[in-house]
Protein backbone atom coordinates (compact mmCIF):
# COMPACT_ATOMS: atom_id res chain seq x y z
CA MET A 1 8.36 35.76 39.00
CA ASN A 2 7.38 33.50 36.12
CA GLN A 3 6.70 29.82 37.01
CA PRO A 4 7.37 27.15 34.39
CA TYR A 5 4.35 25.38 33.16
CA ALA A 6 4.11 22.12 31.37
CA ARG A 7 1.16 20.02 30.34
CA VAL A 8 1.42 16.54 28.95
CA ASN A 9 -1.40 14.51 27.43
CA TYR A 10 -0.81 10.77 27.11
CA ILE A 11 -3.15 9.50 24.36
CA GLN A 12 -1.94 6.03 23.40
CA THR A 13 0.77 3.57 24.43
CA ALA A 14 3.46 1.83 22.39
CA VAL A 15 5.19 -1.36 23.57
CA GLU A 16 7.46 -1.92 20.53
CA GLY A 17 8.63 -0.02 17.54
CA GLU A 18 10.22 3.34 16.93
CA ILE A 19 8.85 6.57 18.27
CA VAL A 20 9.71 10.18 17.22
CA CYS A 21 9.38 13.35 19.11
CA ARG A 22 9.09 16.69 17.31
CA THR A 23 9.27 19.95 19.21
CA THR A 24 8.35 23.42 17.83
CA LEU A 25 9.38 26.72 19.47
CA ASP A 26 6.13 28.64 19.16
CA ARG A 27 7.22 31.89 20.85
CA ARG A 28 10.35 33.37 22.38
CA ASN A 29 11.33 36.66 23.76
CA ARG A 30 14.03 37.69 26.15
CA ARG A 31 12.41 36.17 29.25
CA THR A 32 10.10 33.35 28.15
CA ALA A 33 9.74 30.61 25.62
CA VAL A 34 6.68 28.52 24.69
CA MET A 35 7.22 25.13 23.08
CA ARG A 36 4.99 22.24 21.96
CA SER A 37 5.80 18.62 21.26
CA GLU A 38 4.17 15.60 19.65
CA VAL A 39 5.24 11.97 19.99
CA HIS A 40 4.28 9.70 17.10
CA HIS A 41 4.76 5.92 16.70
CA GLU A 42 6.46 4.76 13.50
CA ASP A 43 2.96 3.69 12.15
CA GLY A 44 1.79 7.28 12.45
CA ARG A 45 -0.26 7.07 15.62
CA LEU A 46 -0.13 10.15 17.86
CA LEU A 47 0.97 8.94 21.37
CA VAL A 48 1.66 12.13 23.33
CA THR A 49 1.21 15.91 23.12
CA ALA A 50 2.86 18.38 25.34
CA ILE A 51 3.13 22.24 25.69
CA GLY A 52 5.30 24.15 28.07
CA SER A 53 6.34 27.62 28.92
CA TYR A 54 9.77 28.34 30.39
CA SER A 55 11.64 31.16 31.92
CA ILE A 56 14.87 32.32 30.30
CA PHE A 57 17.42 33.62 32.81
CA PRO A 58 20.24 35.97 31.73
CA PRO A 59 23.76 34.43 32.09
CA ARG A 60 25.45 35.04 35.43
CA ASP A 61 28.88 36.53 35.69
CA ARG A 62 31.30 33.81 36.60
CA PRO A 63 34.80 34.23 37.76
CA ALA A 64 37.45 33.33 35.19
CA ILE A 65 39.05 29.87 35.71
CA PRO A 66 42.83 30.23 35.78
CA PRO A 67 44.68 27.97 33.20
CA GLU A 68 46.30 24.85 34.51
CA HIS A 69 50.08 24.76 34.46
């Protein structure tokens, strides 16, 4: 069974101003996905990097919900 994995690197802090996170899907197949993210301050400083791998589960069959009358 695949275990999710995430690593976060805190590089700098920001106490005011806007921050932006951008995430990229690096790889995906039927069962796993690998993504990476970067958080930047509005002045361009890199604040955080992250990478994670995640399991993708197939949808489960769910019983139909009867309509309300």
